Amino acid sequence: MDLGLIHKIAFVAASSDGLGKSVALELAKEGAEVIICGRNPESLNTAKAEIEKFGKVFALTGDLTNDKDRDRLIQTVLERYKQVDILITNTGGPPTGKFEDLNQADWDNAYRQLLVSATGLIRGFLPGMKSQRWGRIVTITSQAVKQPVDNLILSNSIRASIVGLVKSLSNEVGAFNITVNNVMPGYTQTARLDRLIQNNPAIASVTNEIPLGRFGQPHEFAAAVAFLVSERASYITGVSLPVDGGWIKSIM
């Protein structure tokens, strides 16, 4: 299936490893030129070397939670490419813990990490999408925004606000042929899942609650994102799509 992504410019946040890297790799395979970013130069260079086997990739080191650093990254991209066609917002997960385990600084940091980084990137790249009257924005959140996960109150709470952002923004920019969607990964075999299992070994048995009976693979998640940013998904906007093997129990 031709997804219509050849020569599209795609910015994928937090893409030096994990789901972000998998999405960048999938988009490169589909013919998009991808821009990856991360805070760790070593892991970023490793990701770049892997992705450029399949297509063009430009790597930038920076911290998306820092306003000046994020603005610098956006300016660098716009100077090089003039506009971005596809934006994937993404971050690592905030610390685990129950409400009384966390202080105000934890909440403030999670707010900047999850919400401010996303709105800052959208603010930077949306004008170009509007001027060319085409764009795709996808936020990566978590299945926890639909069905909260124990001991992840920061993620459960703040990621949920991104769902409201996606639905509201999709209504505002639809007339410009820009779609805005959210993808909710379930338990996917990444380094973060390994860390969660180390902190809470009981998570390893959650496959018993997943109808498909296993954890997801990063490439399966990336394929869903690639479809949503494609020409084939031109009439899909404002949705939150779970990629969770059926773990979420609600019907809506």
Protein backbone atom coordinates (compact mmCIF):
# COMPACT_ATOMS: atom_id res chain seq x y z
CA MET A 1 0.00 0.00 0.00
CA ASP A 2 1.35 3.40 -1.01
CA LEU A 3 0.88 5.71 1.97
CA GLY A 4 1.80 8.82 0.01
CA LEU A 5 4.69 9.78 2.29
CA ILE A 6 7.50 10.01 -0.25
CA HIS A 7 9.34 13.34 0.12
CA LYS A 8 7.23 14.38 3.13
CA ILE A 9 9.17 16.02 5.96
CA ALA A 10 8.44 14.43 9.35
CA PHE A 11 9.59 15.64 12.77
CA VAL A 12 9.48 12.86 15.39
CA ALA A 13 10.08 13.97 18.96
CA ALA A 14 12.01 11.87 21.49
CA SER A 15 13.12 9.52 18.74
CA SER A 16 16.55 8.34 19.83
CA ASP A 17 15.03 5.14 21.20
CA GLY A 18 11.75 3.45 22.12
CA LEU A 19 8.51 4.11 20.29
CA GLY A 20 9.76 7.39 18.86
CA LYS A 21 12.65 5.69 17.09
CA SER A 22 10.33 2.97 15.79
CA VAL A 23 7.98 5.58 14.32
CA ALA A 24 10.86 7.47 12.69
CA LEU A 25 12.17 4.23 11.21
CA GLU A 26 8.75 3.31 9.82
CA LEU A 27 8.27 6.74 8.23
CA ALA A 28 11.72 6.56 6.66
CA LYS A 29 10.86 3.17 5.17
CA GLU A 30 7.74 4.77 3.66
CA GLY A 31 9.82 7.44 1.92
CA ALA A 32 9.55 10.39 4.32
CA GLU A 33 12.60 12.42 5.29
CA VAL A 34 12.68 12.26 9.07
CA ILE A 35 14.02 14.63 11.69
CA ILE A 36 14.86 12.91 14.95
CA CYS A 37 15.78 14.47 18.27
CA GLY A 38 16.85 13.45 21.73
CA ARG A 39 18.90 14.57 24.71
CA ASN A 40 21.56 11.86 24.54
CA PRO A 41 23.98 12.38 21.61
CA GLU A 42 25.23 8.80 21.74
CA SER A 43 21.82 7.12 21.48
CA LEU A 44 20.74 9.73 18.92
CA ASN A 45 23.70 8.92 16.67
CA THR A 46 22.97 5.21 17.01
CA ALA A 47 19.35 5.79 15.98
CA LYS A 48 20.45 7.95 13.05
CA ALA A 49 22.77 5.25 11.76
CA GLU A 50 19.96 2.69 11.94
CA ILE A 51 17.36 4.86 10.25
CA GLU A 52 19.53 6.23 7.45
CA LYS A 53 19.87 2.71 6.05
CA PHE A 54 16.30 3.19 4.83
CA GLY A 55 16.06 6.89 4.03
CA LYS A 56 17.09 10.46 4.74
CA VAL A 57 17.41 11.48 8.39
CA PHE A 58 18.52 14.64 10.17
CA ALA A 59 19.41 14.40 13.89
CA LEU A 60 19.22 17.18 16.46
CA THR A 61 20.26 17.09 20.10
CA GLY A 62 18.07 19.02 22.53
CA ASP A 63 15.69 19.05 25.46
CA LEU A 64 12.08 19.65 24.43
CA THR A 65 11.06 20.53 27.98
CA ASN A 66 13.32 23.59 27.88
CA ASP A 67 11.67 26.52 26.08
CA LYS A 68 14.88 27.99 24.64
CA ASP A 69 16.20 24.62 23.55
CA ARG A 70 12.88 23.68 21.94
CA ASP A 71 12.68 27.01 20.10
CA ARG A 72 16.24 26.50 18.86
CA LEU A 73 15.35 23.08 17.47
CA ILE A 74 12.25 24.44 15.75
CA GLN A 75 14.19 27.33 14.21
CA THR A 76 16.93 25.00 12.98
CA VAL A 77 14.37 22.75 11.31
CA LEU A 78 12.52 25.64 9.67
CA GLU A 79 15.73 27.17 8.36
CA ARG A 80 16.68 23.84 6.79
CA TYR A 81 13.29 22.64 5.48
CA LYS A 82 11.03 25.74 5.47
CA GLN A 83 8.12 23.65 6.77
CA VAL A 84 7.28 20.31 8.38
CA ASP A 85 4.53 18.18 6.87
CA ILE A 86 4.19 15.66 9.69
CA LEU A 87 4.66 16.25 13.41
CA ILE A 88 4.80 13.42 15.94
CA THR A 89 4.86 14.64 19.53
CA ASN A 90 6.28 12.18 22.01
CA THR A 91 8.15 12.05 25.32
CA GLY A 92 9.43 9.54 27.77
CA GLY A 93 7.19 8.70 30.69
CA PRO A 94 7.23 10.61 33.98
CA PRO A 95 8.16 8.93 37.28
CA THR A 96 5.94 6.25 38.76
CA GLY A 97 4.29 6.73 42.12
CA LYS A 98 1.06 7.31 44.00
CA PHE A 99 -0.25 10.81 44.76
CA GLU A 100 1.33 11.11 48.21
CA ASP A 101 4.69 9.89 46.89
CA LEU A 102 5.00 12.92 44.60
CA ASN A 103 5.73 16.58 45.32
CA GLN A 104 4.83 19.76 43.44
CA ALA A 105 8.10 19.71 41.51
CA ASP A 106 7.20 16.25 40.18
CA TRP A 107 3.89 17.62 38.89
CA ASP A 108 5.50 20.71 37.39
CA ASN A 109 8.17 18.65 35.63
CA ALA A 110 5.61 16.18 34.28
CA TYR A 111 3.48 19.06 32.99
CA ARG A 112 6.44 20.47 31.06
CA GLN A 113 7.56 17.07 29.87
CA LEU A 114 4.19 15.87 28.60
CA LEU A 115 2.04 18.88 27.71
CA VAL A 116 4.31 21.91 27.24
CA SER A 117 6.68 20.02 24.94
CA ALA A 118 3.74 19.03 22.73
CA THR A 119 2.07 22.44 22.57
CA GLY A 120 5.42 24.12 21.96
CA LEU A 121 6.18 21.92 18.95
CA ILE A 122 2.69 22.36 17.54
CA ARG A 123 2.95 26.13 17.92
CA GLY A 124 6.23 26.07 16.02
CA PHE A 125 5.17 23.92 13.06
CA LEU A 126 1.44 24.56 12.67
CA PRO A 127 1.81 27.89 10.74
CA GLY A 128 3.71 26.12 7.95
CA MET A 129 1.07 23.41 7.70
CA LYS A 130 -1.68 26.01 7.50
CA SER A 131 0.12 27.99 4.79
CA GLN A 132 0.50 24.90 2.59
CA ARG A 133 -2.96 23.66 3.56
CA TRP A 134 -1.76 20.16 4.42
CA GLY A 135 -0.47 18.64 7.58
CA ARG A 136 -0.55 15.70 9.95
CA ILE A 137 -0.15 15.96 13.72
CA VAL A 138 -0.08 12.85 15.89
CA THR A 139 0.43 12.86 19.65
CA ILE A 140 1.72 9.75 21.39
CA THR A 141 0.22 9.34 24.84
CA SER A 142 -0.70 6.08 26.59
CA GLN A 143 -3.52 3.63 27.11
CA ALA A 144 -3.62 5.16 30.59
CA VAL A 145 -5.55 8.19 29.28
CA LYS A 146 -8.47 5.84 28.58
CA GLN A 147 -8.07 3.39 31.43
CA PRO A 148 -5.77 4.64 34.22
CA VAL A 149 -2.89 2.40 35.27
CA ASP A 150 -2.10 1.95 38.95
CA ASN A 151 0.97 3.81 40.26
CA LEU A 152 1.13 6.08 37.18
CA ILE A 153 -0.89 9.04 38.43
CA LEU A 154 1.32 11.63 36.71
CA SER A 155 0.94 9.96 33.33
CA ASN A 156 -2.76 9.19 33.88
CA SER A 157 -3.52 12.81 34.71
CA ILE A 158 -1.42 14.96 32.43
CA ARG A 159 -1.49 12.80 29.32
CA ALA A 160 -5.29 12.97 29.49
CA SER A 161 -5.09 16.72 28.87
CA ILE A 162 -3.45 16.01 25.52
CA VAL A 163 -6.61 14.18 24.42
CA GLY A 164 -8.57 17.39 24.99
CA LEU A 165 -5.94 19.31 23.06
CA VAL A 166 -6.13 16.91 20.11
CA LYS A 167 -9.92 17.01 19.84
CA SER A 168 -10.08 20.80 20.19
CA LEU A 169 -7.23 21.47 17.76
CA SER A 170 -8.62 19.07 15.17
CA ASN A 171 -11.80 21.18 15.08
CA GLU A 172 -9.80 24.39 14.65
CA VAL A 173 -7.52 23.29 11.81
CA GLY A 174 -9.62 20.85 9.82
CA ALA A 175 -10.47 23.53 7.26
CA PHE A 176 -6.76 23.71 6.40
CA ASN A 177 -6.63 19.99 5.49
CA ILE A 178 -4.70 19.27 8.67
CA THR A 179 -5.58 16.18 10.70
CA VAL A 180 -4.82 15.88 14.40
CA ASN A 181 -4.96 12.50 16.09
CA ASN A 182 -3.74 10.76 19.21
CA VAL A 183 -2.33 7.24 19.49
CA MET A 184 -2.41 5.36 22.79
CA PRO A 185 0.23 2.64 23.04
CA GLY A 186 -0.51 -0.26 25.31
CA TYR A 187 2.05 -2.51 26.95
CA THR A 188 4.76 -2.51 24.29
CA GLN A 189 8.11 -4.25 24.51
CA THR A 190 10.39 -1.25 25.13
CA ALA A 191 13.06 -0.31 27.65
CA ARG A 192 10.45 1.70 29.59
CA LEU A 193 8.28 -1.40 29.99
CA ASP A 194 11.33 -3.30 31.22
CA ARG A 195 11.89 -0.58 33.86
CA LEU A 196 8.24 -0.68 34.93
CA ILE A 197 8.46 -4.45 35.35
CA GLN A 198 11.61 -4.04 37.44
CA ASN A 199 9.73 -1.65 39.74
CA ASN A 200 6.61 -3.80 39.75
CA PRO A 201 7.19 -7.43 38.68
CA ALA A 202 3.43 -8.06 38.65
CA ILE A 203 3.23 -6.10 35.38
CA ALA A 204 4.84 -9.08 33.63
CA SER A 205 1.61 -11.03 34.11
CA VAL A 206 -0.56 -8.34 32.51
CA THR A 207 -0.50 -10.35 29.30
CA ASN A 208 -3.26 -12.39 30.94
CA GLU A 209 -5.47 -9.29 30.64
CA ILE A 210 -4.63 -8.65 26.97
CA PRO A 211 -6.93 -10.48 24.54
CA LEU A 212 -4.06 -11.05 22.09
CA GLY A 213 -2.12 -12.62 24.97
CA ARG A 214 1.19 -10.81 24.54
CA PHE A 215 2.95 -7.47 24.72
CA GLY A 216 2.98 -5.35 21.57
CA GLN A 217 6.03 -4.82 19.42
CA PRO A 218 7.28 -1.30 18.59
CA HIS A 219 6.97 -1.85 14.84
CA GLU A 220 3.26 -2.70 15.27
CA PHE A 221 2.68 0.61 17.00
CA ALA A 222 4.73 2.49 14.39
CA ALA A 223 2.62 1.03 11.58
CA ALA A 224 -0.53 2.52 13.11
CA VAL A 225 1.09 5.95 13.35
CA ALA A 226 2.33 5.74 9.75
CA PHE A 227 -1.20 5.05 8.56
CA LEU A 228 -2.66 8.00 10.47
CA VAL A 229 -0.19 10.44 8.90
CA SER A 230 -0.72 9.05 5.41
CA GLU A 231 -2.89 10.18 2.53
CA ARG A 232 -4.98 7.06 3.15
CA ALA A 233 -6.13 8.50 6.50
CA SER A 234 -7.20 11.86 5.09
CA TYR A 235 -10.72 11.63 6.60
CA ILE A 236 -9.65 10.60 10.11
CA THR A 237 -9.15 13.40 12.63
CA GLY A 238 -9.76 14.07 16.30
CA VAL A 239 -9.55 10.41 17.30
CA SER A 240 -7.61 8.60 20.01
CA LEU A 241 -6.56 5.20 18.70
CA PRO A 242 -5.51 2.47 21.14
CA VAL A 243 -2.79 0.12 19.98
CA ASP A 244 -3.03 -2.15 22.98
CA GLY A 245 -3.96 -5.67 21.89
CA GLY A 246 -7.47 -5.10 23.23
CA TRP A 247 -6.42 -4.30 26.84
CA ILE A 248 -8.78 -1.32 27.21
CA LYS A 249 -12.15 -2.71 28.23
CA SER A 250 -14.52 0.15 27.32
CA ILE A 251 -16.52 0.10 24.08
CA MET A 252 -15.84 3.75 23.19
